């Protein structure tokens, strides 16, 4: 595996709105992304894009991303972590990706240098991130009253691990997103 892939982008939507229904937003726009995989064509090759389970790390919503060849499901060609982070005092959400790729990413020949493969994989990472950002922006423009029955998303509990919970149809600012206040000793 080749380490050091990086990509970032911005969703022009409020972090609370994006993060509170992330799986619902992406599943609606990119069917199969949280299951069998959403078909993606990059650099002339067919892939399946999968989003792993969501969880909170501090104030960021984090998920694993895998990109596999369409027909070969064994080892991901590209894998890494997608993070969503609030941009303070702006109605925007920062999205970053850090990961690694297979040495033969995109079916490049074994003669290619590590830097050439990394460059190709970074381009693909940016394309994948732009696909996700575009889907999130499109889905957050939909009505806030759209029903979301049956969609499970993570929620932070007070100090405990992230657990999947059902969210109501109406969007609201979850209390878990607000910073915890420290008590005097």
N, C-alpha and C. Protein backbone atom coordinates (compact mmCIF):
# COMPACT_ATOMS: atom_id res chain seq x y z
N UNK A 1 0.84 -1.18 0.00
CA UNK A 1 0.00 0.00 0.00
C UNK A 1 0.88 1.24 0.00
N UNK A 2 0.41 2.25 -0.68
CA UNK A 2 1.11 3.54 -0.75
C UNK A 2 0.37 4.52 0.15
N UNK A 3 1.07 5.05 1.13
CA UNK A 3 0.50 5.98 2.10
C UNK A 3 0.51 7.40 1.55
N UNK A 4 -0.19 8.29 2.26
CA UNK A 4 -0.05 9.72 2.00
C UNK A 4 -1.01 10.33 1.03
N UNK A 5 -2.20 9.78 0.87
CA UNK A 5 -3.20 10.40 0.01
C UNK A 5 -3.94 11.47 0.81
N UNK A 6 -4.18 12.61 0.18
CA UNK A 6 -4.89 13.71 0.84
C UNK A 6 -5.81 14.39 -0.16
N UNK A 7 -6.98 14.76 0.31
CA UNK A 7 -7.91 15.55 -0.48
C UNK A 7 -8.80 16.30 0.50
N UNK A 8 -9.28 17.48 0.09
CA UNK A 8 -10.24 18.20 0.94
C UNK A 8 -11.15 19.04 0.07
N UNK A 9 -12.28 19.37 0.64
CA UNK A 9 -13.28 20.15 -0.06
C UNK A 9 -14.20 20.79 0.98
N UNK A 10 -15.18 21.53 0.50
CA UNK A 10 -16.13 22.20 1.38
C UNK A 10 -17.54 21.94 0.88
N UNK A 11 -18.42 21.57 1.82
CA UNK A 11 -19.84 21.46 1.52
C UNK A 11 -20.46 22.80 1.89
N UNK A 12 -21.16 23.42 0.96
CA UNK A 12 -21.79 24.70 1.24
C UNK A 12 -23.15 24.46 1.89
N UNK A 13 -23.07 23.90 3.08
CA UNK A 13 -24.26 23.63 3.90
C UNK A 13 -23.81 23.57 5.36
N UNK A 14 -24.71 23.90 6.24
CA UNK A 14 -24.45 23.92 7.67
C UNK A 14 -24.04 22.54 8.17
N UNK A 15 -23.01 22.50 9.01
CA UNK A 15 -22.48 21.25 9.55
C UNK A 15 -23.56 20.45 10.27
N UNK A 16 -24.38 21.10 11.08
CA UNK A 16 -25.41 20.37 11.83
C UNK A 16 -26.41 19.70 10.89
N UNK A 17 -26.76 20.39 9.83
CA UNK A 17 -27.71 19.81 8.87
C UNK A 17 -27.08 18.65 8.11
N UNK A 18 -25.84 18.80 7.70
CA UNK A 18 -25.15 17.74 6.96
C UNK A 18 -24.90 16.54 7.85
N UNK A 19 -24.35 16.76 9.04
CA UNK A 19 -23.94 15.65 9.90
C UNK A 19 -25.12 14.92 10.53
N UNK A 20 -26.22 15.62 10.78
CA UNK A 20 -27.33 14.96 11.45
C UNK A 20 -28.00 13.89 10.58
N UNK A 21 -27.84 13.95 9.31
CA UNK A 21 -28.48 12.99 8.41
C UNK A 21 -27.54 12.52 7.31
N UNK A 22 -26.27 12.38 7.61
CA UNK A 22 -25.28 12.09 6.59
C UNK A 22 -25.60 10.84 5.77
N UNK A 23 -25.88 9.72 6.44
CA UNK A 23 -26.16 8.49 5.71
C UNK A 23 -27.42 8.61 4.87
N UNK A 24 -28.43 9.27 5.41
CA UNK A 24 -29.66 9.45 4.64
C UNK A 24 -29.40 10.31 3.41
N UNK A 25 -28.62 11.38 3.60
CA UNK A 25 -28.29 12.26 2.48
C UNK A 25 -27.56 11.49 1.38
N UNK A 26 -26.51 10.78 1.77
CA UNK A 26 -25.71 10.08 0.77
C UNK A 26 -26.44 8.89 0.15
N UNK A 27 -27.19 8.16 0.96
CA UNK A 27 -27.93 7.01 0.42
C UNK A 27 -28.97 7.45 -0.59
N UNK A 28 -29.59 8.60 -0.36
CA UNK A 28 -30.58 9.11 -1.29
C UNK A 28 -29.98 9.55 -2.61
N UNK A 29 -28.79 10.12 -2.55
CA UNK A 29 -28.13 10.63 -3.75
C UNK A 29 -27.25 9.58 -4.45
N UNK A 30 -26.65 8.69 -3.65
CA UNK A 30 -25.72 7.68 -4.19
C UNK A 30 -26.16 6.30 -3.70
N UNK A 31 -27.20 5.72 -4.30
CA UNK A 31 -27.73 4.44 -3.83
C UNK A 31 -26.67 3.35 -3.76
N UNK A 32 -26.62 2.64 -2.64
CA UNK A 32 -25.70 1.54 -2.47
C UNK A 32 -24.40 1.92 -1.78
N UNK A 33 -24.19 3.22 -1.52
CA UNK A 33 -22.92 3.65 -0.94
C UNK A 33 -22.67 3.04 0.43
N UNK A 34 -23.72 2.76 1.17
CA UNK A 34 -23.54 2.16 2.50
C UNK A 34 -23.82 0.66 2.50
N UNK A 35 -23.82 0.05 1.33
CA UNK A 35 -24.07 -1.39 1.22
C UNK A 35 -23.15 -2.02 0.19
N UNK A 36 -23.73 -2.37 -0.95
CA UNK A 36 -22.98 -3.05 -2.00
C UNK A 36 -21.98 -2.13 -2.69
N UNK A 37 -22.17 -0.83 -2.57
CA UNK A 37 -21.26 0.12 -3.18
C UNK A 37 -21.90 0.87 -4.33
N UNK A 38 -21.52 2.12 -4.46
CA UNK A 38 -22.03 2.97 -5.52
C UNK A 38 -21.05 2.90 -6.70
N UNK A 39 -21.54 2.61 -7.91
CA UNK A 39 -20.63 2.49 -9.06
C UNK A 39 -20.01 3.84 -9.43
N UNK A 40 -18.69 3.84 -9.59
CA UNK A 40 -17.94 5.04 -9.93
C UNK A 40 -16.95 4.69 -11.03
N UNK A 41 -16.79 5.59 -11.98
CA UNK A 41 -15.81 5.39 -13.05
C UNK A 41 -14.72 6.45 -12.87
N UNK A 42 -13.49 5.99 -12.65
CA UNK A 42 -12.34 6.88 -12.46
C UNK A 42 -11.19 6.40 -13.33
N UNK A 43 -10.56 7.32 -14.02
CA UNK A 43 -9.39 7.01 -14.84
C UNK A 43 -9.65 5.83 -15.79
N UNK A 44 -10.87 5.69 -16.25
CA UNK A 44 -11.21 4.63 -17.19
C UNK A 44 -11.52 3.28 -16.57
N UNK A 45 -11.48 3.19 -15.24
CA UNK A 45 -11.76 1.91 -14.56
C UNK A 45 -13.06 2.01 -13.77
N UNK A 46 -13.74 0.87 -13.63
CA UNK A 46 -15.00 0.80 -12.88
C UNK A 46 -14.71 0.40 -11.44
N UNK A 47 -15.28 1.15 -10.50
CA UNK A 47 -15.09 0.88 -9.08
C UNK A 47 -16.43 0.87 -8.36
N UNK A 48 -16.38 0.43 -7.11
CA UNK A 48 -17.53 0.52 -6.20
C UNK A 48 -17.06 1.31 -4.99
N UNK A 49 -17.78 2.39 -4.68
CA UNK A 49 -17.45 3.26 -3.56
C UNK A 49 -18.34 2.91 -2.38
N UNK A 50 -17.72 2.65 -1.22
CA UNK A 50 -18.46 2.30 -0.01
C UNK A 50 -18.09 3.24 1.11
N UNK A 51 -19.10 3.62 1.88
CA UNK A 51 -18.90 4.44 3.07
C UNK A 51 -19.14 3.55 4.28
N UNK A 52 -18.18 3.52 5.19
CA UNK A 52 -18.30 2.69 6.39
C UNK A 52 -19.16 3.34 7.46
N UNK A 53 -19.18 2.71 8.62
CA UNK A 53 -19.97 3.23 9.74
C UNK A 53 -19.46 4.60 10.17
N UNK A 54 -20.40 5.43 10.58
CA UNK A 54 -20.07 6.76 11.05
C UNK A 54 -19.84 6.74 12.55
N UNK A 55 -18.92 7.56 13.01
CA UNK A 55 -18.70 7.72 14.44
C UNK A 55 -18.12 9.11 14.70
N UNK A 56 -18.24 9.54 15.94
CA UNK A 56 -17.72 10.85 16.34
C UNK A 56 -16.32 10.70 16.91
N UNK A 57 -15.44 11.59 16.53
CA UNK A 57 -14.12 11.75 17.14
C UNK A 57 -14.01 13.22 17.48
N UNK A 58 -14.08 13.51 18.76
CA UNK A 58 -14.12 14.89 19.25
C UNK A 58 -15.31 15.58 18.60
N UNK A 59 -15.08 16.61 17.80
CA UNK A 59 -16.19 17.34 17.17
C UNK A 59 -16.29 17.06 15.68
N UNK A 60 -15.71 15.97 15.24
CA UNK A 60 -15.74 15.60 13.83
C UNK A 60 -16.54 14.33 13.63
N UNK A 61 -17.28 14.27 12.54
CA UNK A 61 -17.98 13.06 12.15
C UNK A 61 -17.06 12.32 11.17
N UNK A 62 -16.78 11.05 11.47
CA UNK A 62 -15.75 10.30 10.74
C UNK A 62 -16.36 9.02 10.15
N UNK A 63 -15.93 8.69 8.94
CA UNK A 63 -16.34 7.43 8.30
C UNK A 63 -15.19 6.92 7.45
N UNK A 64 -15.12 5.61 7.30
CA UNK A 64 -14.14 5.00 6.41
C UNK A 64 -14.70 4.97 5.00
N UNK A 65 -13.83 5.17 4.03
CA UNK A 65 -14.19 5.07 2.62
C UNK A 65 -13.34 3.99 1.98
N UNK A 66 -13.96 3.18 1.15
CA UNK A 66 -13.24 2.16 0.40
C UNK A 66 -13.65 2.26 -1.05
N UNK A 67 -12.68 2.09 -1.93
CA UNK A 67 -12.92 2.08 -3.36
C UNK A 67 -12.34 0.77 -3.89
N UNK A 68 -13.22 -0.12 -4.34
CA UNK A 68 -12.81 -1.44 -4.84
C UNK A 68 -13.07 -1.52 -6.34
N UNK A 69 -12.27 -2.35 -7.03
CA UNK A 69 -12.62 -2.64 -8.41
C UNK A 69 -14.01 -3.24 -8.43
N UNK A 70 -14.75 -2.95 -9.47
CA UNK A 70 -16.14 -3.41 -9.56
C UNK A 70 -16.26 -4.92 -9.43
N UNK A 71 -15.35 -5.67 -10.06
CA UNK A 71 -15.46 -7.13 -10.07
C UNK A 71 -14.60 -7.81 -9.01
N UNK A 72 -13.62 -7.13 -8.47
CA UNK A 72 -12.73 -7.73 -7.46
C UNK A 72 -12.98 -7.08 -6.11
N UNK A 73 -13.68 -7.77 -5.26
CA UNK A 73 -14.09 -7.21 -3.97
C UNK A 73 -13.11 -7.50 -2.84
N UNK A 74 -12.02 -8.20 -3.10
CA UNK A 74 -11.16 -8.67 -2.03
C UNK A 74 -10.41 -7.55 -1.32
N UNK A 75 -9.56 -6.81 -1.99
CA UNK A 75 -8.77 -5.78 -1.34
C UNK A 75 -9.08 -4.43 -1.97
N UNK A 76 -9.34 -3.41 -1.14
CA UNK A 76 -9.64 -2.09 -1.69
C UNK A 76 -8.46 -1.52 -2.47
N UNK A 77 -8.76 -0.83 -3.54
CA UNK A 77 -7.74 -0.13 -4.31
C UNK A 77 -7.36 1.18 -3.62
N UNK A 78 -8.33 1.77 -2.94
CA UNK A 78 -8.11 3.01 -2.23
C UNK A 78 -8.92 2.94 -0.95
N UNK A 79 -8.33 3.28 0.15
CA UNK A 79 -9.04 3.23 1.42
C UNK A 79 -8.54 4.37 2.31
N UNK A 80 -9.41 4.85 3.16
CA UNK A 80 -9.01 5.94 4.05
C UNK A 80 -10.15 6.43 4.90
N UNK A 81 -9.94 7.59 5.49
CA UNK A 81 -10.89 8.16 6.43
C UNK A 81 -11.40 9.50 5.92
N UNK A 82 -12.72 9.65 5.89
CA UNK A 82 -13.35 10.91 5.55
C UNK A 82 -13.79 11.57 6.85
N UNK A 83 -13.49 12.86 7.00
CA UNK A 83 -13.86 13.61 8.20
C UNK A 83 -14.68 14.83 7.80
N UNK A 84 -15.77 15.05 8.54
CA UNK A 84 -16.57 16.25 8.37
C UNK A 84 -16.38 17.11 9.61
N UNK A 85 -16.11 18.39 9.38
CA UNK A 85 -15.81 19.30 10.48
C UNK A 85 -16.53 20.62 10.24
N UNK A 86 -17.05 21.20 11.31
CA UNK A 86 -17.73 22.48 11.22
C UNK A 86 -16.74 23.60 10.96
N UNK A 87 -17.11 24.50 10.06
CA UNK A 87 -16.34 25.72 9.87
C UNK A 87 -17.05 26.78 10.71
N UNK A 88 -16.44 27.21 11.80
CA UNK A 88 -17.12 28.11 12.74
C UNK A 88 -17.61 29.40 12.07
N UNK A 89 -18.80 29.82 12.48
CA UNK A 89 -19.44 31.07 12.05
C UNK A 89 -19.71 31.14 10.55
N UNK A 90 -19.75 30.00 9.89
CA UNK A 90 -20.08 29.94 8.47
C UNK A 90 -21.02 28.77 8.26
N UNK A 91 -21.87 28.87 7.28
CA UNK A 91 -22.78 27.78 6.96
C UNK A 91 -22.09 26.83 5.98
N UNK A 92 -20.94 26.29 6.45
CA UNK A 92 -20.17 25.39 5.61
C UNK A 92 -19.63 24.25 6.44
N UNK A 93 -19.29 23.17 5.74
CA UNK A 93 -18.73 21.98 6.38
C UNK A 93 -17.45 21.59 5.63
N UNK A 94 -16.37 21.46 6.36
CA UNK A 94 -15.10 21.04 5.76
C UNK A 94 -15.07 19.52 5.69
N UNK A 95 -14.68 18.99 4.54
CA UNK A 95 -14.59 17.55 4.34
C UNK A 95 -13.16 17.23 3.93
N UNK A 96 -12.53 16.32 4.66
CA UNK A 96 -11.16 15.93 4.34
C UNK A 96 -11.09 14.42 4.17
N UNK A 97 -10.13 13.99 3.39
CA UNK A 97 -9.87 12.57 3.20
C UNK A 97 -8.38 12.34 3.35
N UNK A 98 -8.03 11.32 4.11
CA UNK A 98 -6.65 10.87 4.23
C UNK A 98 -6.66 9.36 4.07
N UNK A 99 -5.74 8.86 3.24
CA UNK A 99 -5.78 7.42 3.03
C UNK A 99 -4.54 6.87 2.35
N UNK A 100 -4.74 5.71 1.74
CA UNK A 100 -3.67 4.99 1.07
C UNK A 100 -4.28 4.24 -0.12
N UNK A 101 -3.40 3.80 -1.02
CA UNK A 101 -3.89 3.09 -2.20
C UNK A 101 -3.02 1.87 -2.45
N UNK A 102 -3.54 0.98 -3.26
CA UNK A 102 -2.80 -0.21 -3.66
C UNK A 102 -1.66 0.20 -4.59
N UNK A 103 -0.60 -0.56 -4.58
CA UNK A 103 0.56 -0.27 -5.42
C UNK A 103 0.20 -0.28 -6.90
N UNK A 104 -0.79 -1.10 -7.27
CA UNK A 104 -1.23 -1.18 -8.66
C UNK A 104 -2.52 -0.39 -8.89
N UNK A 105 -2.72 0.70 -8.14
CA UNK A 105 -3.94 1.50 -8.25
C UNK A 105 -4.20 1.90 -9.70
N UNK A 106 -5.44 1.73 -10.11
CA UNK A 106 -5.83 2.09 -11.47
C UNK A 106 -5.21 1.22 -12.53
N UNK A 107 -4.76 0.04 -12.14
CA UNK A 107 -4.13 -0.91 -13.08
C UNK A 107 -2.89 -0.34 -13.74
N UNK A 108 -2.14 0.49 -13.00
CA UNK A 108 -0.90 1.02 -13.55
C UNK A 108 0.14 -0.10 -13.59
N UNK A 109 1.09 0.05 -14.46
CA UNK A 109 2.11 -0.99 -14.58
C UNK A 109 3.03 -0.96 -13.36
N UNK A 110 3.68 -2.05 -13.12
CA UNK A 110 4.58 -2.15 -11.97
C UNK A 110 5.83 -1.31 -12.15
N UNK A 111 6.04 -0.77 -13.36
CA UNK A 111 7.20 0.08 -13.63
C UNK A 111 7.01 1.50 -13.12
N UNK A 112 5.78 1.89 -12.85
CA UNK A 112 5.49 3.26 -12.41
C UNK A 112 6.11 3.53 -11.04
N UNK A 113 6.53 4.77 -10.86
CA UNK A 113 7.11 5.17 -9.58
C UNK A 113 6.01 5.32 -8.53
N UNK A 114 6.42 5.28 -7.29
CA UNK A 114 5.47 5.48 -6.19
C UNK A 114 4.80 6.84 -6.32
N UNK A 115 5.56 7.87 -6.68
CA UNK A 115 4.99 9.21 -6.82
C UNK A 115 3.95 9.28 -7.94
N UNK A 116 4.18 8.57 -9.04
CA UNK A 116 3.21 8.56 -10.14
C UNK A 116 1.91 7.90 -9.71
N UNK A 117 2.02 6.80 -8.98
CA UNK A 117 0.82 6.11 -8.49
C UNK A 117 0.10 6.99 -7.46
N UNK A 118 0.87 7.62 -6.55
CA UNK A 118 0.27 8.50 -5.54
C UNK A 118 -0.44 9.68 -6.20
N UNK A 119 0.16 10.23 -7.25
CA UNK A 119 -0.46 11.35 -7.97
C UNK A 119 -1.81 10.92 -8.59
N UNK A 120 -1.83 9.78 -9.22
CA UNK A 120 -3.06 9.25 -9.80
C UNK A 120 -4.12 9.00 -8.72
N UNK A 121 -3.69 8.42 -7.60
CA UNK A 121 -4.63 8.13 -6.51
C UNK A 121 -5.13 9.42 -5.85
N UNK A 122 -4.27 10.43 -5.72
CA UNK A 122 -4.72 11.71 -5.18
C UNK A 122 -5.75 12.37 -6.07
N UNK A 123 -5.55 12.31 -7.39
CA UNK A 123 -6.55 12.83 -8.33
C UNK A 123 -7.87 12.10 -8.15
N UNK A 124 -7.80 10.78 -8.02
CA UNK A 124 -9.02 9.99 -7.83
C UNK A 124 -9.67 10.32 -6.48
N UNK A 125 -8.87 10.53 -5.45
CA UNK A 125 -9.40 10.91 -4.13
C UNK A 125 -10.16 12.22 -4.21
N UNK A 126 -9.61 13.19 -4.92
CA UNK A 126 -10.29 14.47 -5.09
C UNK A 126 -11.60 14.30 -5.85
N UNK A 127 -11.59 13.45 -6.88
CA UNK A 127 -12.82 13.20 -7.65
C UNK A 127 -13.89 12.53 -6.79
N UNK A 128 -13.49 11.57 -5.97
CA UNK A 128 -14.43 10.89 -5.07
C UNK A 128 -15.01 11.88 -4.07
N UNK A 129 -14.15 12.71 -3.51
CA UNK A 129 -14.61 13.70 -2.53
C UNK A 129 -15.56 14.69 -3.16
N UNK A 130 -15.28 15.13 -4.38
CA UNK A 130 -16.18 16.06 -5.07
C UNK A 130 -17.54 15.40 -5.36
N UNK A 131 -17.54 14.12 -5.68
CA UNK A 131 -18.78 13.38 -5.86
C UNK A 131 -19.60 13.40 -4.57
N UNK A 132 -18.94 13.13 -3.44
CA UNK A 132 -19.62 13.11 -2.15
C UNK A 132 -20.11 14.50 -1.76
N UNK A 133 -19.30 15.52 -1.96
CA UNK A 133 -19.67 16.90 -1.61
C UNK A 133 -20.87 17.35 -2.45
N UNK A 134 -20.84 17.06 -3.73
CA UNK A 134 -21.95 17.42 -4.61
C UNK A 134 -23.24 16.73 -4.17
N UNK A 135 -23.15 15.46 -3.80
CA UNK A 135 -24.33 14.73 -3.33
C UNK A 135 -24.85 15.32 -2.02
N UNK A 136 -23.97 15.68 -1.11
CA UNK A 136 -24.40 16.28 0.16
C UNK A 136 -25.05 17.64 -0.05
N UNK A 137 -24.47 18.46 -0.91
CA UNK A 137 -25.06 19.77 -1.18
C UNK A 137 -26.44 19.63 -1.80
N UNK A 138 -26.58 18.71 -2.75
CA UNK A 138 -27.88 18.51 -3.40
C UNK A 138 -28.92 18.01 -2.42
N UNK A 139 -28.53 17.09 -1.55
CA UNK A 139 -29.51 16.50 -0.63
C UNK A 139 -29.90 17.45 0.48
N UNK A 140 -29.01 18.34 0.91
CA UNK A 140 -29.36 19.27 1.99
C UNK A 140 -30.26 20.39 1.50
N UNK A 141 -30.37 20.56 0.20
CA UNK A 141 -31.28 21.56 -0.36
C UNK A 141 -32.72 21.06 -0.36
N UNK A 142 -32.89 19.74 -0.15
CA UNK A 142 -34.24 19.18 -0.10
C UNK A 142 -34.95 19.69 1.15
N UNK A 143 -36.20 19.55 1.18
CA UNK A 143 -37.01 20.01 2.32
C UNK A 143 -36.57 19.36 3.62
N UNK A 144 -36.53 20.16 4.67
CA UNK A 144 -36.16 19.65 6.00
C UNK A 144 -37.25 18.74 6.55
N UNK A 145 -38.43 18.78 5.98
CA UNK A 145 -39.53 17.96 6.48
C UNK A 145 -39.64 16.61 5.78
N UNK A 146 -38.70 16.29 4.90
CA UNK A 146 -38.76 15.00 4.21
C UNK A 146 -38.64 13.87 5.22
N UNK A 147 -39.48 12.84 5.14
CA UNK A 147 -39.41 11.74 6.10
C UNK A 147 -38.14 10.93 5.94
N UNK A 148 -37.64 10.43 7.08
CA UNK A 148 -36.42 9.63 7.08
C UNK A 148 -36.62 8.33 7.83
N UNK A 149 -37.76 7.77 7.77
CA UNK A 149 -38.05 6.56 8.53
C UNK A 149 -37.07 5.45 8.19
N UNK A 150 -36.58 4.78 9.21
CA UNK A 150 -35.74 3.61 9.02
C UNK A 150 -34.27 3.90 8.81
N UNK A 151 -33.87 5.14 8.84
CA UNK A 151 -32.46 5.47 8.64
C UNK A 151 -31.78 5.56 10.00
N UNK A 152 -30.72 4.82 10.20
CA UNK A 152 -29.97 4.86 11.45
C UNK A 152 -28.70 5.67 11.25
N UNK A 153 -28.45 6.59 12.16
CA UNK A 153 -27.24 7.39 12.12
C UNK A 153 -26.67 7.45 13.52
N UNK A 154 -25.37 7.74 13.65
CA UNK A 154 -24.78 7.77 14.98
C UNK A 154 -25.11 9.06 15.72
N UNK A 155 -25.09 8.96 17.00
CA UNK A 155 -25.29 10.12 17.85
C UNK A 155 -24.35 9.99 19.03
N UNK A 156 -23.79 11.10 19.46
CA UNK A 156 -22.93 11.03 20.63
C UNK A 156 -23.80 11.09 21.87
N UNK A 157 -23.53 10.20 22.79
CA UNK A 157 -24.21 10.27 24.07
C UNK A 157 -23.28 10.99 25.03
N UNK A 158 -23.72 11.28 26.20
CA UNK A 158 -22.90 12.01 27.16
C UNK A 158 -21.75 11.15 27.64
N UNK A 159 -20.62 11.28 26.98
CA UNK A 159 -19.42 10.59 27.40
C UNK A 159 -19.31 9.14 26.97
N UNK A 160 -20.36 8.54 26.45
CA UNK A 160 -20.32 7.14 26.07
C UNK A 160 -19.94 6.98 24.61
N UNK A 161 -19.84 5.74 24.16
CA UNK A 161 -19.50 5.50 22.76
C UNK A 161 -20.65 5.87 21.83
N UNK A 162 -20.33 6.07 20.57
CA UNK A 162 -21.36 6.39 19.58
C UNK A 162 -22.28 5.19 19.40
N UNK A 163 -23.58 5.46 19.31
CA UNK A 163 -24.56 4.40 19.11
C UNK A 163 -25.49 4.79 17.97
N UNK A 164 -25.93 3.84 17.14
CA UNK A 164 -26.92 4.17 16.13
C UNK A 164 -28.26 4.45 16.80
N UNK A 165 -28.91 5.52 16.36
CA UNK A 165 -30.23 5.87 16.88
C UNK A 165 -31.09 6.33 15.72
N UNK A 166 -32.40 6.26 15.90
CA UNK A 166 -33.31 6.75 14.89
C UNK A 166 -33.55 8.24 15.15
N UNK A 167 -33.52 9.02 14.09
CA UNK A 167 -33.74 10.45 14.18
C UNK A 167 -35.13 10.77 13.65
N UNK A 168 -35.78 11.78 14.19
CA UNK A 168 -37.08 12.19 13.68
C UNK A 168 -36.94 12.83 12.30
N UNK A 169 -38.08 13.01 11.63
CA UNK A 169 -38.07 13.55 10.28
C UNK A 169 -37.61 15.01 10.25
N UNK A 170 -37.93 15.81 11.25
CA UNK A 170 -37.54 17.21 11.26
C UNK A 170 -36.11 17.36 11.75
N UNK A 171 -35.41 18.26 11.09
CA UNK A 171 -34.03 18.51 11.48
C UNK A 171 -34.00 19.47 12.66
N UNK A 172 -33.07 19.25 13.54
CA UNK A 172 -32.86 20.15 14.65
C UNK A 172 -31.40 20.09 15.04
N UNK A 173 -30.97 21.05 15.79
CA UNK A 173 -29.57 21.05 16.22
C UNK A 173 -29.42 20.07 17.36
N UNK A 174 -28.70 18.95 17.14
CA UNK A 174 -28.52 17.97 18.21
C UNK A 174 -27.70 18.56 19.35
N UNK A 175 -28.09 18.24 20.55
CA UNK A 175 -27.37 18.72 21.72
C UNK A 175 -25.95 18.18 21.75
N UNK A 176 -25.73 17.02 21.13
CA UNK A 176 -24.42 16.38 21.17
C UNK A 176 -23.37 17.18 20.40
N UNK A 177 -23.78 18.07 19.54
CA UNK A 177 -22.82 18.82 18.75
C UNK A 177 -22.27 20.01 19.54
N UNK A 178 -23.04 20.51 20.48
CA UNK A 178 -22.58 21.62 21.29
C UNK A 178 -21.45 21.16 22.21
N UNK A 179 -20.45 22.03 22.43
CA UNK A 179 -19.35 21.63 23.30
C UNK A 179 -19.82 21.45 24.75
N UNK A 180 -19.23 20.48 25.41
CA UNK A 180 -19.58 20.21 26.80
C UNK A 180 -18.98 21.31 27.67
N UNK A 181 -19.70 21.71 28.69
CA UNK A 181 -19.20 22.74 29.60
C UNK A 181 -18.53 22.06 30.79
N UNK A 182 -17.41 22.61 31.14
CA UNK A 182 -16.70 22.02 32.30
C UNK A 182 -17.26 22.61 33.58
N UNK A 183 -17.28 21.79 34.60
CA UNK A 183 -17.79 22.22 35.91
C UNK A 183 -16.62 22.63 36.79
N UNK A 184 -16.82 23.64 37.62
CA UNK A 184 -15.73 24.04 38.52
C UNK A 184 -15.41 22.91 39.51
N UNK A 185 -14.16 22.81 39.88
CA UNK A 185 -13.72 21.75 40.77
C UNK A 185 -14.06 22.04 42.21
